[in-house]
Protein backbone atom coordinates (compact mmCIF):
# COMPACT_ATOMS: atom_id res chain seq x y z
CA MET A 1 -6.13 -13.91 -38.74
CA LYS A 2 -5.59 -10.40 -37.47
CA ILE A 3 -5.85 -9.48 -33.80
CA THR A 4 -8.83 -7.28 -34.62
CA ASP A 5 -10.63 -10.28 -36.12
CA TRP A 6 -10.04 -12.28 -32.95
CA ALA A 7 -11.32 -9.33 -30.92
CA ILE A 8 -14.52 -9.22 -32.96
CA ILE A 9 -15.04 -12.98 -32.58
CA PHE A 10 -14.43 -12.68 -28.82
CA VAL A 11 -17.00 -9.92 -28.51
CA LEU A 12 -19.55 -11.89 -30.55
CA ILE A 13 -19.09 -14.98 -28.37
CA VAL A 14 -18.73 -13.38 -24.95
CA GLY A 15 -21.00 -10.39 -25.47
CA PRO A 16 -24.31 -12.20 -24.96
CA PHE A 17 -23.00 -13.79 -21.74
CA LEU A 18 -21.86 -10.42 -20.41
CA GLU A 19 -25.22 -8.90 -21.30
CA ALA A 20 -27.04 -11.75 -19.56
CA LEU A 21 -24.88 -11.29 -16.47
CA SER A 22 -25.58 -7.55 -16.50
CA LEU A 23 -29.34 -8.12 -16.78
CA ASN A 24 -29.21 -10.72 -14.02
CA SER A 25 -27.35 -8.25 -11.79
CA MET A 26 -30.00 -5.62 -12.49
CA ASP A 27 -32.71 -8.18 -11.69
CA LEU A 28 -31.05 -9.04 -8.38
CA GLN A 29 -30.85 -5.36 -7.49
CA GLU A 30 -34.54 -4.95 -8.28
CA VAL A 31 -35.41 -8.05 -6.24
CA ASN A 32 -33.43 -6.73 -3.26
CA ARG A 33 -35.09 -3.34 -3.62
CA LEU A 34 -38.58 -4.85 -3.67
CA GLN A 35 -37.81 -7.19 -0.76
CA LEU A 36 -36.63 -4.23 1.32
CA ARG A 37 -39.70 -2.21 0.35
CA TYR A 38 -42.14 -5.02 1.18
CA THR A 39 -40.38 -5.87 4.47
CA THR A 40 -40.38 -2.23 5.54
CA ALA A 41 -44.07 -1.90 4.64
CA LEU A 42 -45.00 -5.10 6.49
CA ARG A 43 -43.07 -4.29 9.67
CA THR A 44 -44.33 -0.71 9.70
CA ALA A 45 -47.93 -1.91 9.32
CA VAL A 46 -47.61 -4.47 12.12
CA GLN A 47 -45.99 -1.95 14.45
CA ASP A 48 -48.78 0.52 13.65
CA ALA A 49 -51.38 -2.16 14.39
CA GLY A 50 -49.67 -3.22 17.60
CA SER A 51 -49.53 0.35 18.86
CA VAL A 52 -53.33 0.68 18.97
CA LEU A 53 -53.84 -2.47 21.04
CA ASN A 54 -53.07 -0.57 24.25
CA ARG A 55 -56.19 1.61 24.01
CA ASN A 56 -57.84 -0.06 26.99
CA GLU A 57 -59.64 1.25 30.01
CA LEU A 58 -57.88 2.12 33.24
CA GLN A 59 -56.45 -0.96 34.96
CA GLN A 60 -58.52 -0.53 38.13
CA PHE A 61 -61.71 -0.96 36.10
CA GLU A 62 -60.70 -4.35 34.69
CA VAL A 63 -62.50 -7.14 36.55
CA GLY A 64 -60.62 -10.22 37.70
CA TYR A 65 -57.10 -9.22 36.67
CA SER A 66 -54.39 -7.10 38.27
CA SER A 67 -51.71 -7.71 35.66
CA ASP A 68 -49.84 -4.96 33.87
CA LYS A 69 -49.99 -7.18 30.76
CA TYR A 70 -53.77 -7.19 30.65
CA MET A 71 -55.34 -4.69 28.30
CA ARG A 72 -58.65 -4.46 26.51
CA THR A 73 -57.47 -5.18 22.97
CA ASP A 74 -59.33 -3.86 19.95
CA LYS A 75 -58.73 -6.38 17.18
CA GLU A 76 -60.96 -4.56 14.69
CA LEU A 77 -59.03 -1.32 15.08
CA ALA A 78 -55.70 -3.17 14.88
CA LEU A 79 -56.74 -4.90 11.65
CA SER A 80 -58.01 -1.66 10.16
CA ILE A 81 -54.76 0.14 10.95
CA LEU A 82 -52.71 -2.80 9.61
CA LEU A 83 -54.49 -2.86 6.24
CA GLN A 84 -54.52 0.93 5.99
CA SER A 85 -50.77 1.12 6.66
CA LEU A 86 -50.05 -1.62 4.10
CA ALA A 87 -52.13 0.19 1.49
CA ILE A 88 -50.31 3.48 2.09
CA ASN A 89 -46.84 1.92 2.00
CA PHE A 90 -47.67 -0.12 -1.10
CA GLY A 91 -49.00 3.01 -2.81
CA ILE A 92 -52.52 1.60 -3.29
CA ALA A 93 -54.44 3.66 -0.73
CA ASP A 94 -56.76 5.04 -3.43
CA ASP A 95 -57.40 1.76 -5.24
CA SER A 96 -59.88 -0.50 -3.46
CA LEU A 97 -59.64 -3.20 -6.16
CA VAL A 98 -55.89 -3.59 -5.71
CA GLN A 99 -56.34 -3.58 -1.93
CA ALA A 100 -58.79 -6.47 -2.31
CA ALA A 101 -56.27 -8.28 -4.54
CA LEU A 102 -53.56 -7.81 -1.89
CA MET A 103 -55.64 -9.90 0.54
CA LYS A 104 -54.86 -12.96 -1.60
CA TYR A 105 -51.26 -12.63 -0.38
CA ILE A 106 -52.17 -12.31 3.32
CA PRO A 107 -52.96 -15.85 4.52
CA ALA A 108 -53.35 -14.88 8.17
CA VAL A 109 -53.27 -12.12 10.77
CA VAL A 110 -53.04 -13.08 14.44
CA VAL A 111 -53.97 -10.85 17.36
CA ILE A 112 -52.45 -12.20 20.57
CA ASP A 113 -54.55 -11.21 23.58
CA TYR A 114 -53.84 -11.65 27.28
CA ASP A 115 -55.87 -14.85 27.67
CA GLY A 116 -56.27 -16.06 24.07
CA TYR A 117 -55.93 -15.10 20.44
CA TRP A 118 -57.88 -14.41 17.27
CA ILE A 119 -56.93 -15.34 13.72
CA TYR A 120 -58.15 -13.30 10.75
CA ALA A 121 -58.11 -15.56 7.70
CA LEU A 122 -60.25 -17.17 5.03
CA ASP A 123 -63.18 -19.05 6.53
CA GLU A 124 -65.82 -21.25 4.94
CA PHE A 125 -69.37 -20.67 6.15
CA ASN A 126 -72.97 -20.48 4.97
CA SER A 127 -74.53 -17.10 4.33
CA ALA A 128 -77.92 -16.05 5.69
CA ASN A 129 -79.67 -17.64 2.69
CA GLY A 130 -77.72 -20.89 3.11
CA GLU A 131 -75.20 -20.38 0.29
CA PRO A 132 -71.60 -21.46 0.98
CA ARG A 133 -69.14 -18.58 1.20
CA LEU A 134 -65.39 -18.22 1.62
CA GLU A 135 -63.96 -14.91 2.78
CA HIS A 136 -61.60 -13.32 5.26
CA ARG A 137 -63.12 -12.95 8.70
CA TRP A 138 -62.25 -13.39 12.36
CA HIS A 139 -62.18 -16.94 13.67
CA PRO A 140 -63.54 -17.37 17.23
CA LYS A 141 -61.18 -16.46 20.03
CA ARG A 142 -59.11 -19.42 21.22
CA PRO A 143 -57.96 -19.58 24.86
CA TYR A 144 -54.51 -20.95 25.71
CA VAL A 145 -55.64 -24.37 26.95
CA TYR A 146 -53.53 -27.23 28.29
CA THR A 147 -54.51 -30.65 29.67
CA ASP A 148 -52.04 -32.86 31.55
CA SER A 149 -51.84 -36.67 31.54
CA ALA A 150 -54.12 -36.86 34.60
CA GLY A 151 -56.86 -34.82 32.93
CA ASN A 152 -56.29 -31.58 34.85
CA SER A 153 -56.95 -28.63 32.56
CA ALA A 154 -55.45 -25.16 32.61
CA ALA A 155 -56.16 -21.93 30.75
CA PHE A 156 -52.99 -19.82 30.55
CA SER A 157 -52.43 -16.11 30.15
CA LEU A 158 -49.40 -14.04 29.13
CA ASP A 159 -48.12 -14.17 32.71
CA SER A 160 -48.63 -16.43 35.72
CA TYR A 161 -52.36 -15.75 36.11
CA ILE A 162 -54.13 -19.05 35.44
CA ARG A 163 -57.50 -20.83 35.57
CA VAL A 164 -57.36 -24.53 36.43
CA ILE A 165 -59.91 -27.32 36.79
CA SER A 166 -58.99 -30.37 38.86
CA SER A 167 -59.78 -33.73 37.26
CA THR A 168 -60.36 -35.36 40.66
CA THR A 169 -62.59 -32.81 42.37
CA GLY A 170 -63.94 -30.86 39.38
CA GLU A 171 -63.12 -27.67 41.30
CA GLU A 172 -62.27 -24.57 39.28
CA MET A 173 -59.76 -22.06 40.62
CA ARG A 174 -58.45 -18.79 39.26
CA GLY A 175 -55.52 -16.74 40.42
CA TRP A 176 -51.76 -16.31 40.40
CA LEU A 177 -49.47 -19.32 40.32
CA GLU A 178 -47.87 -18.51 43.67
CA ASP A 179 -51.31 -18.27 45.31
CA LEU A 180 -52.82 -21.43 43.78
CA ALA A 181 -49.81 -23.75 44.19
CA PRO A 182 -50.28 -24.32 47.96
CA ALA A 183 -54.02 -24.81 47.56
CA THR A 184 -53.97 -27.66 45.03
CA ALA A 185 -52.00 -30.82 44.23
CA ILE A 186 -52.03 -30.27 40.45
CA PRO A 187 -48.40 -31.06 39.42
CA LEU A 188 -48.16 -28.24 36.85
CA LEU A 189 -48.50 -25.62 39.59
CA GLN A 190 -45.81 -27.01 41.87
CA ASP A 191 -42.75 -25.93 39.86
CA ALA A 192 -42.59 -22.36 38.55
CA GLU A 193 -39.90 -23.16 35.96
CA VAL A 194 -41.83 -26.11 34.53
CA PHE A 195 -45.01 -24.02 34.57
CA GLU A 196 -43.33 -21.31 32.47
CA GLN A 197 -41.97 -23.81 29.95
CA VAL A 198 -45.35 -25.51 29.55
CA ARG A 199 -47.15 -22.16 29.32
CA ARG A 200 -44.97 -20.84 26.51
CA SER A 201 -44.81 -24.10 24.56
CA THR A 202 -48.60 -24.51 24.79
CA ILE A 203 -49.29 -21.04 23.43
CA VAL A 204 -46.78 -21.39 20.58
CA ARG A 205 -47.92 -24.89 19.57
CA GLN A 206 -51.59 -23.95 19.61
CA ILE A 207 -51.14 -20.84 17.47
CA GLU A 208 -48.90 -22.67 15.00
CA GLU A 209 -51.35 -25.57 14.65
CA ASP A 210 -54.24 -23.20 13.94
CA LEU A 211 -52.13 -21.25 11.46
CA GLN A 212 -51.30 -24.46 9.60
CA GLN A 213 -55.03 -25.12 9.21
CA VAL A 214 -56.00 -21.66 7.94
CA ILE A 215 -53.02 -21.55 5.56
CA ALA A 216 -54.16 -24.90 4.12
CA VAL A 217 -57.58 -23.34 3.44
CA HIS A 218 -55.85 -20.36 1.84
CA ASN A 219 -53.93 -22.71 -0.46
CA GLU A 220 -57.16 -24.35 -1.60
CA PHE A 221 -58.62 -20.94 -2.39
CA THR A 222 -55.61 -19.60 -4.31
CA ALA A 223 -55.24 -22.88 -6.24
CA ARG A 224 -58.74 -22.32 -7.63
CA LEU A 225 -57.56 -18.88 -8.77
CA GLY A 226 -54.65 -20.43 -10.64
CA PHE A 227 -51.88 -19.69 -8.13
CA THR A 228 -48.88 -22.01 -8.46
CA TYR A 229 -47.35 -20.72 -5.21
CA THR A 230 -47.86 -22.87 -2.11
CA PHE A 231 -48.36 -20.89 1.09
CA THR A 232 -46.54 -22.33 4.09
CA LEU A 233 -46.08 -21.32 7.70
CA PRO A 234 -42.62 -19.73 8.02
CA THR A 235 -40.40 -20.90 10.85
CA ILE A 236 -40.67 -18.32 13.62
CA PRO A 237 -37.45 -18.34 15.70
CA LYS A 238 -37.75 -19.09 19.40
CA GLU A 239 -36.44 -15.63 20.27
CA GLU A 240 -39.19 -14.03 18.19
CA TRP A 241 -41.83 -16.10 19.98
CA ASN A 242 -40.36 -15.21 23.39
CA ASN A 243 -40.52 -11.51 22.59
CA THR A 244 -44.06 -11.88 21.22
CA LEU A 245 -45.39 -13.71 24.28
CA ASP A 246 -44.24 -10.95 26.62
CA ASP A 247 -47.20 -8.73 25.73
CA VAL A 248 -50.32 -8.59 23.58
CA GLY A 249 -49.40 -8.16 19.94
CA VAL A 250 -50.00 -8.75 16.23
CA ILE A 251 -48.48 -11.23 13.78
CA ALA A 252 -49.06 -10.76 10.04
CA PHE A 253 -47.98 -12.94 7.12
CA LEU A 254 -47.32 -11.66 3.60
CA GLN A 255 -46.54 -14.35 1.04
CA GLY A 256 -46.54 -15.28 -2.63
CA ILE A 257 -45.96 -11.84 -4.22
CA PRO A 258 -43.83 -12.44 -7.36
CA ILE A 259 -40.50 -10.58 -7.42
CA GLY A 260 -38.30 -11.58 -10.34
CA ASN A 261 -37.90 -15.35 -10.34
CA HIS A 262 -38.76 -15.56 -6.65
CA TYR A 263 -41.70 -15.03 -4.34
CA TYR A 264 -41.80 -12.77 -1.32
CA ASN A 265 -42.43 -14.74 1.89
CA ASN A 266 -42.17 -13.04 5.26
CA PHE A 267 -43.92 -12.28 8.53
CA ALA A 268 -43.73 -9.51 11.11
CA LEU A 269 -44.58 -9.20 14.78
CA GLY A 270 -45.64 -6.08 16.63
CA GLY A 271 -46.21 -5.64 20.36
CA GLY A 272 -48.98 -3.67 21.98
CA ARG A 273 -46.86 -2.31 24.83
CA LEU A 274 -45.84 1.31 24.36
CA ARG A 275 -42.17 1.35 23.41
CA LYS A 276 -40.38 4.08 21.51
CA THR A 277 -37.71 2.45 19.39
CA GLU A 278 -35.74 3.49 16.34
CA ARG A 279 -35.64 1.34 13.26
CA LEU A 280 -32.40 -0.51 12.63
CA GLU A 281 -31.07 -0.87 9.11
CA GLY A 282 -28.50 -3.30 7.73
CA GLY A 283 -26.04 -2.43 4.99
CA VAL A 284 -22.74 -3.52 3.46
CA ASP A 285 -19.50 -1.56 3.55
CA PRO A 286 -18.65 -1.23 -0.18
CA THR A 287 -14.92 -1.23 0.62
CA THR A 288 -14.63 -4.26 2.90
CA GLY A 289 -17.84 -6.14 2.13
CA ILE A 290 -18.57 -6.37 5.87
CA LYS A 291 -22.23 -6.16 6.89
CA TYR A 292 -23.17 -3.58 9.56
CA TYR A 293 -26.38 -2.60 11.33
CA TYR A 294 -27.12 0.94 12.45
CA PHE A 295 -29.96 3.27 13.38
CA ALA A 296 -31.83 4.83 10.47
CA LYS A 297 -30.70 8.34 11.47
CA CYS A 298 -27.01 7.45 11.29
CA GLU A 299 -25.05 9.07 8.47
CA LEU A 300 -23.22 6.08 7.03
CA PRO A 301 -22.16 5.37 3.41
CA TYR A 302 -23.88 2.00 3.25
CA ASN A 303 -26.70 0.91 0.96
CA THR A 304 -29.52 -0.36 3.16
CA GLU A 305 -30.40 -3.97 2.33
CA GLU A 306 -32.48 -5.07 5.33
CA VAL A 307 -34.41 -3.57 8.21
CA PHE A 308 -34.61 -4.95 11.74
CA ALA A 309 -36.64 -4.36 14.89
CA ARG A 310 -33.89 -5.38 17.32
CA LYS A 311 -30.10 -5.61 17.48
CA GLN A 312 -30.25 -9.35 18.24
CA GLU A 313 -32.13 -9.94 15.01
CA ALA A 314 -29.49 -8.05 12.99
CA ALA A 315 -26.63 -9.87 14.70
CA ALA A 316 -28.27 -13.22 13.98
CA ARG A 317 -28.26 -12.30 10.29
CA GLY A 318 -24.49 -11.70 10.35
CA TYR A 319 -24.41 -7.92 10.83
CA TYR A 320 -21.96 -6.10 13.11
CA GLU A 321 -22.84 -2.96 15.03
CA ALA A 322 -21.54 0.14 13.25
CA ILE A 323 -20.19 3.28 14.89
CA CYS A 324 -22.92 5.84 14.40
CA ARG A 325 -22.23 9.38 13.27
CA ARG A 326 -25.15 11.80 13.54
């Protein structure tokens, strides 16, 4: 058999595999492109929503608080800005039907306030004429509540301002930790480090437990629509929670959007404190294969694959800081 015959046989055998590999590579590129687009849209929307939470009255007019973390949050405005920003970045700003369909992929939005939080998610209730309904709406505000083994209860805030009720005397006290500690024997108030640990863990656990419940309701709803995707609460790293609990903010979840053979599943957090920060991007050096992160305005020959809000987040994903040329 001639060499040309062997070449033809080789092409016939290997050709389909090479074509499949090429198509798979193109699919992966499209998946990465869509993931980057969706992540950018989600983070932009949450940052936009978080930025309007600081539209409160002057601090001296707020009754009962003297904290620089207290602000009169506007959850309705934050939600409106969030959905508007998502619609614009998804290119569906002029299509109300597609915007309504997008809500099927948003299992929950959380607005973290100074002394509690709201969750915007599917809720089952009876309409005015008594008919059962299921739609997205705000769940009642939940305070950050903790009860110790002795029955003493505490309502936390985003700093050391606290409201406590003694189980022995029934007395209610409000104020700063350092002011209340000498005036009561409640163990939680006697150690500032323990207080801070309990405060943060209580807030995180309570929000996560409520999110688990509303996501379960969302799964029941989407299953009736024929969805095969199961919505789950993503693991939020401790560092992300710590940054979130520093100020009022917004958490939004976007899940279940089909991209190739996968589903998009992500969340984003945005703070309400005014901070001017540049977006960080992550890309790969085509020569060395090393991953670098850099500011969006940097002129670097890397294809952006991910976006980040902070350097720590990029480093945790295996990216090194690049030398920026502007």
